[in-house]
N, C-alpha and C. Protein backbone atom coordinates (compact mmCIF):
# COMPACT_ATOMS: atom_id res chain seq x y z
N MET A 1 45.15 54.79 -28.40
CA MET A 1 45.62 56.09 -27.96
C MET A 1 45.40 57.09 -29.10
N ASP A 2 45.41 58.35 -28.78
CA ASP A 2 45.13 59.41 -29.74
C ASP A 2 46.22 59.54 -30.80
N GLU A 3 45.79 60.08 -31.95
CA GLU A 3 46.72 60.32 -33.05
C GLU A 3 47.16 61.78 -33.00
N ILE A 4 48.45 61.99 -33.28
CA ILE A 4 49.03 63.34 -33.31
C ILE A 4 49.62 63.55 -34.69
N LEU A 5 49.33 64.69 -35.28
CA LEU A 5 49.82 65.05 -36.61
C LEU A 5 50.81 66.20 -36.44
N ILE A 6 52.04 66.00 -36.92
CA ILE A 6 53.08 67.02 -36.85
C ILE A 6 53.40 67.45 -38.27
N MET A 7 53.31 68.77 -38.55
CA MET A 7 53.49 69.26 -39.91
C MET A 7 54.52 70.38 -39.97
N SER A 8 55.35 70.34 -41.03
CA SER A 8 56.31 71.41 -41.28
C SER A 8 56.52 71.54 -42.78
N SER A 9 56.43 72.76 -43.28
CA SER A 9 56.68 73.01 -44.70
C SER A 9 58.09 73.54 -44.91
N VAL A 10 58.85 73.71 -43.83
CA VAL A 10 60.20 74.25 -43.90
C VAL A 10 61.24 73.25 -43.43
N HIS A 11 60.98 72.58 -42.31
CA HIS A 11 61.96 71.67 -41.72
C HIS A 11 61.93 70.30 -42.39
N CYS A 12 63.11 69.67 -42.42
CA CYS A 12 63.24 68.31 -42.95
C CYS A 12 62.57 67.34 -41.98
N TRP A 13 62.17 66.19 -42.51
CA TRP A 13 61.46 65.20 -41.68
C TRP A 13 62.32 64.74 -40.51
N ASN A 14 63.64 64.73 -40.68
CA ASN A 14 64.52 64.23 -39.62
C ASN A 14 65.13 65.35 -38.77
N ASP A 15 64.47 66.48 -38.72
CA ASP A 15 64.89 67.60 -37.88
C ASP A 15 65.02 67.13 -36.43
N VAL A 16 66.09 67.55 -35.77
CA VAL A 16 66.37 67.07 -34.42
C VAL A 16 65.22 67.36 -33.46
N ARG A 17 64.75 68.59 -33.44
CA ARG A 17 63.68 68.95 -32.49
C ARG A 17 62.37 68.26 -32.83
N MET A 18 61.99 68.34 -34.09
CA MET A 18 60.67 67.86 -34.50
C MET A 18 60.59 66.33 -34.50
N PHE A 19 61.55 65.68 -35.12
CA PHE A 19 61.48 64.22 -35.27
C PHE A 19 62.10 63.48 -34.09
N HIS A 20 63.37 63.76 -33.82
CA HIS A 20 64.09 62.97 -32.82
C HIS A 20 63.60 63.22 -31.40
N ARG A 21 63.31 64.46 -31.06
CA ARG A 21 62.87 64.74 -29.69
C ARG A 21 61.37 64.59 -29.52
N GLU A 22 60.62 65.23 -30.41
CA GLU A 22 59.17 65.29 -30.21
C GLU A 22 58.45 64.04 -30.71
N ALA A 23 58.57 63.74 -32.00
CA ALA A 23 57.82 62.62 -32.59
C ALA A 23 58.21 61.29 -31.97
N ASN A 24 59.50 61.03 -31.84
CA ASN A 24 59.94 59.77 -31.24
C ASN A 24 59.47 59.64 -29.80
N SER A 25 59.55 60.72 -29.03
CA SER A 25 59.11 60.67 -27.63
C SER A 25 57.63 60.37 -27.53
N LEU A 26 56.84 61.01 -28.36
CA LEU A 26 55.39 60.77 -28.34
C LEU A 26 55.07 59.32 -28.73
N ALA A 27 55.75 58.82 -29.77
CA ALA A 27 55.51 57.44 -30.22
C ALA A 27 55.93 56.43 -29.15
N GLU A 28 57.04 56.69 -28.48
CA GLU A 28 57.50 55.80 -27.42
C GLU A 28 56.55 55.78 -26.23
N ASN A 29 55.77 56.84 -26.08
CA ASN A 29 54.80 56.92 -24.98
C ASN A 29 53.41 56.50 -25.40
N GLY A 30 53.31 55.82 -26.55
CA GLY A 30 52.06 55.20 -26.93
C GLY A 30 51.18 55.95 -27.91
N TYR A 31 51.56 57.16 -28.28
CA TYR A 31 50.75 57.92 -29.24
C TYR A 31 51.05 57.48 -30.66
N LYS A 32 50.05 57.53 -31.51
CA LYS A 32 50.24 57.28 -32.93
C LYS A 32 50.61 58.63 -33.54
N VAL A 33 51.80 58.73 -34.12
CA VAL A 33 52.33 60.00 -34.61
C VAL A 33 52.53 59.93 -36.12
N ARG A 34 52.07 60.96 -36.79
CA ARG A 34 52.26 61.09 -38.23
C ARG A 34 52.99 62.40 -38.49
N VAL A 35 54.18 62.32 -39.09
CA VAL A 35 54.99 63.49 -39.39
C VAL A 35 54.93 63.75 -40.89
N ILE A 36 54.63 64.99 -41.26
CA ILE A 36 54.65 65.40 -42.66
C ILE A 36 55.60 66.58 -42.75
N ALA A 37 56.70 66.40 -43.49
CA ALA A 37 57.72 67.43 -43.56
C ALA A 37 58.50 67.30 -44.87
N VAL A 38 59.49 68.16 -45.04
CA VAL A 38 60.27 68.24 -46.27
C VAL A 38 61.19 67.02 -46.40
N GLU A 39 61.28 66.51 -47.62
CA GLU A 39 62.12 65.35 -47.90
C GLU A 39 63.61 65.69 -47.82
N THR A 40 64.42 64.68 -47.60
CA THR A 40 65.87 64.80 -47.61
C THR A 40 66.43 63.64 -48.42
N GLU A 41 67.75 63.60 -48.52
CA GLU A 41 68.38 62.47 -49.21
C GLU A 41 68.25 61.19 -48.39
N THR A 42 68.11 61.34 -47.08
CA THR A 42 67.96 60.20 -46.18
C THR A 42 66.52 59.72 -46.18
N GLN A 43 66.33 58.45 -46.38
CA GLN A 43 64.99 57.86 -46.36
C GLN A 43 64.65 57.41 -44.94
N TYR A 44 63.40 57.54 -44.58
CA TYR A 44 62.94 57.10 -43.27
C TYR A 44 62.85 55.58 -43.24
N VAL A 45 63.44 54.97 -42.23
CA VAL A 45 63.36 53.53 -42.01
C VAL A 45 62.46 53.34 -40.79
N ARG A 46 61.36 52.68 -41.00
CA ARG A 46 60.36 52.53 -39.93
C ARG A 46 60.88 51.60 -38.83
N LYS A 47 60.98 52.13 -37.62
CA LYS A 47 61.44 51.35 -36.47
C LYS A 47 60.35 51.20 -35.41
N ASN A 48 59.31 52.02 -35.54
CA ASN A 48 58.25 52.04 -34.55
C ASN A 48 56.91 52.03 -35.29
N ASP A 49 56.04 51.09 -34.95
CA ASP A 49 54.74 50.99 -35.63
C ASP A 49 53.85 52.20 -35.38
N LYS A 50 54.14 52.96 -34.36
CA LYS A 50 53.31 54.11 -34.01
C LYS A 50 53.80 55.40 -34.64
N LEU A 51 54.86 55.35 -35.43
CA LEU A 51 55.43 56.55 -36.05
C LEU A 51 55.45 56.40 -37.56
N GLU A 52 54.81 57.33 -38.23
CA GLU A 52 54.71 57.32 -39.69
C GLU A 52 55.26 58.64 -40.22
N VAL A 53 56.03 58.58 -41.31
CA VAL A 53 56.62 59.78 -41.91
C VAL A 53 56.20 59.88 -43.37
N GLU A 54 55.71 61.05 -43.75
CA GLU A 54 55.41 61.36 -45.14
C GLU A 54 56.22 62.59 -45.50
N THR A 55 56.75 62.62 -46.72
CA THR A 55 57.56 63.76 -47.11
C THR A 55 56.93 64.53 -48.26
N ILE A 56 57.29 65.82 -48.31
CA ILE A 56 56.88 66.69 -49.40
C ILE A 56 58.15 67.27 -50.03
N ARG A 57 58.04 67.72 -51.25
CA ARG A 57 59.19 68.34 -51.89
C ARG A 57 59.39 69.75 -51.36
N LYS A 58 60.64 70.15 -51.30
CA LYS A 58 60.94 71.51 -50.87
C LYS A 58 60.49 72.46 -51.97
N THR A 59 59.81 73.53 -51.59
CA THR A 59 59.30 74.49 -52.56
C THR A 59 59.84 75.88 -52.25
N SER A 60 59.77 76.74 -53.25
CA SER A 60 60.18 78.12 -53.04
C SER A 60 59.14 78.82 -52.17
N PHE A 61 59.53 79.94 -51.59
CA PHE A 61 58.60 80.66 -50.73
C PHE A 61 57.35 81.09 -51.49
N CYS A 62 57.52 81.46 -52.75
CA CYS A 62 56.39 81.93 -53.56
C CYS A 62 55.36 80.83 -53.81
N ARG A 63 55.77 79.59 -53.83
CA ARG A 63 54.85 78.48 -54.10
C ARG A 63 54.41 77.75 -52.84
N ARG A 64 54.86 78.23 -51.71
CA ARG A 64 54.56 77.54 -50.47
C ARG A 64 53.07 77.54 -50.12
N TYR A 65 52.33 78.50 -50.65
CA TYR A 65 50.89 78.55 -50.37
C TYR A 65 50.18 77.28 -50.85
N LYS A 66 50.70 76.65 -51.90
CA LYS A 66 50.11 75.39 -52.38
C LYS A 66 50.28 74.29 -51.33
N VAL A 67 51.43 74.30 -50.67
CA VAL A 67 51.69 73.32 -49.61
C VAL A 67 50.75 73.59 -48.43
N TRP A 68 50.49 74.86 -48.13
CA TRP A 68 49.58 75.19 -47.04
C TRP A 68 48.21 74.58 -47.30
N TYR A 69 47.74 74.70 -48.52
CA TYR A 69 46.43 74.13 -48.86
C TYR A 69 46.47 72.60 -48.76
N GLN A 70 47.56 72.01 -49.23
CA GLN A 70 47.72 70.55 -49.14
C GLN A 70 47.70 70.12 -47.67
N PHE A 71 48.41 70.84 -46.81
CA PHE A 71 48.42 70.53 -45.38
C PHE A 71 47.03 70.70 -44.77
N TYR A 72 46.32 71.73 -45.18
CA TYR A 72 44.96 71.94 -44.68
C TYR A 72 44.08 70.74 -45.00
N ARG A 73 44.15 70.26 -46.24
CA ARG A 73 43.35 69.10 -46.65
C ARG A 73 43.73 67.86 -45.84
N ILE A 74 45.03 67.65 -45.64
CA ILE A 74 45.49 66.50 -44.86
C ILE A 74 44.98 66.59 -43.42
N ALA A 75 45.13 67.76 -42.82
CA ALA A 75 44.71 67.94 -41.43
C ALA A 75 43.20 67.77 -41.29
N LYS A 76 42.45 68.33 -42.21
CA LYS A 76 40.99 68.24 -42.16
C LYS A 76 40.52 66.79 -42.31
N GLY A 77 41.23 66.00 -43.12
CA GLY A 77 40.84 64.62 -43.36
C GLY A 77 41.40 63.62 -42.37
N SER A 78 42.24 64.08 -41.46
CA SER A 78 42.86 63.15 -40.51
C SER A 78 41.97 62.96 -39.28
N ASN A 79 42.30 61.93 -38.51
CA ASN A 79 41.61 61.67 -37.25
C ASN A 79 42.40 62.19 -36.06
N ALA A 80 43.38 63.04 -36.34
CA ALA A 80 44.27 63.53 -35.28
C ALA A 80 43.52 64.36 -34.26
N LYS A 81 43.78 64.08 -33.00
CA LYS A 81 43.22 64.87 -31.90
C LYS A 81 44.06 66.11 -31.65
N ILE A 82 45.36 66.00 -31.99
CA ILE A 82 46.29 67.11 -31.80
C ILE A 82 47.04 67.32 -33.11
N ILE A 83 47.10 68.58 -33.55
CA ILE A 83 47.85 68.94 -34.75
C ILE A 83 48.91 69.95 -34.34
N ILE A 84 50.17 69.61 -34.60
CA ILE A 84 51.28 70.49 -34.24
C ILE A 84 51.82 71.10 -35.53
N LEU A 85 51.75 72.43 -35.62
CA LEU A 85 52.25 73.16 -36.78
C LEU A 85 53.58 73.78 -36.40
N HIS A 86 54.66 73.34 -37.04
CA HIS A 86 55.99 73.76 -36.63
C HIS A 86 56.45 75.07 -37.23
N ASP A 87 55.71 75.61 -38.16
CA ASP A 87 56.13 76.85 -38.81
C ASP A 87 55.06 77.91 -38.63
N PRO A 88 55.44 79.12 -38.24
CA PRO A 88 54.45 80.18 -38.04
C PRO A 88 53.56 80.43 -39.26
N GLU A 89 54.11 80.25 -40.44
CA GLU A 89 53.30 80.50 -41.63
C GLU A 89 52.16 79.48 -41.79
N LEU A 90 52.24 78.36 -41.09
CA LEU A 90 51.17 77.36 -41.15
C LEU A 90 50.02 77.67 -40.20
N TYR A 91 50.20 78.66 -39.33
CA TYR A 91 49.15 78.98 -38.36
C TYR A 91 47.85 79.39 -39.04
N ILE A 92 47.91 79.84 -40.27
CA ILE A 92 46.70 80.20 -41.01
C ILE A 92 45.76 79.00 -41.11
N ILE A 93 46.33 77.80 -41.14
CA ILE A 93 45.52 76.58 -41.21
C ILE A 93 44.63 76.47 -39.97
N ALA A 94 45.18 76.82 -38.82
CA ALA A 94 44.43 76.72 -37.57
C ALA A 94 43.20 77.62 -37.57
N TYR A 95 43.25 78.70 -38.28
CA TYR A 95 42.13 79.64 -38.35
C TYR A 95 40.88 78.97 -38.91
N PHE A 96 41.06 78.01 -39.80
CA PHE A 96 39.93 77.37 -40.47
C PHE A 96 39.38 76.15 -39.73
N PHE A 97 39.86 75.87 -38.53
CA PHE A 97 39.36 74.73 -37.76
C PHE A 97 38.35 75.17 -36.76
């Protein structure tokens, strides 16, 4: 099944909408899902082989452009058929695809 990449430079990896509703639902329906979002004190415990979580450090707004470039490189190098950008400021990445 297709791979889906979900990215957020603002929301925590365990955000209710992004992780619990969207990523889990997609993984339960057979999609391979990769979530890249801000780290929290809570560590991800892998319960589903189709769901992978990677975290980034929270950055100030002024330094967030570095994260945008990092996300661009990750998205460009992935095999994802669908890329979901959860923050409007990440839409600039879509321009380069």
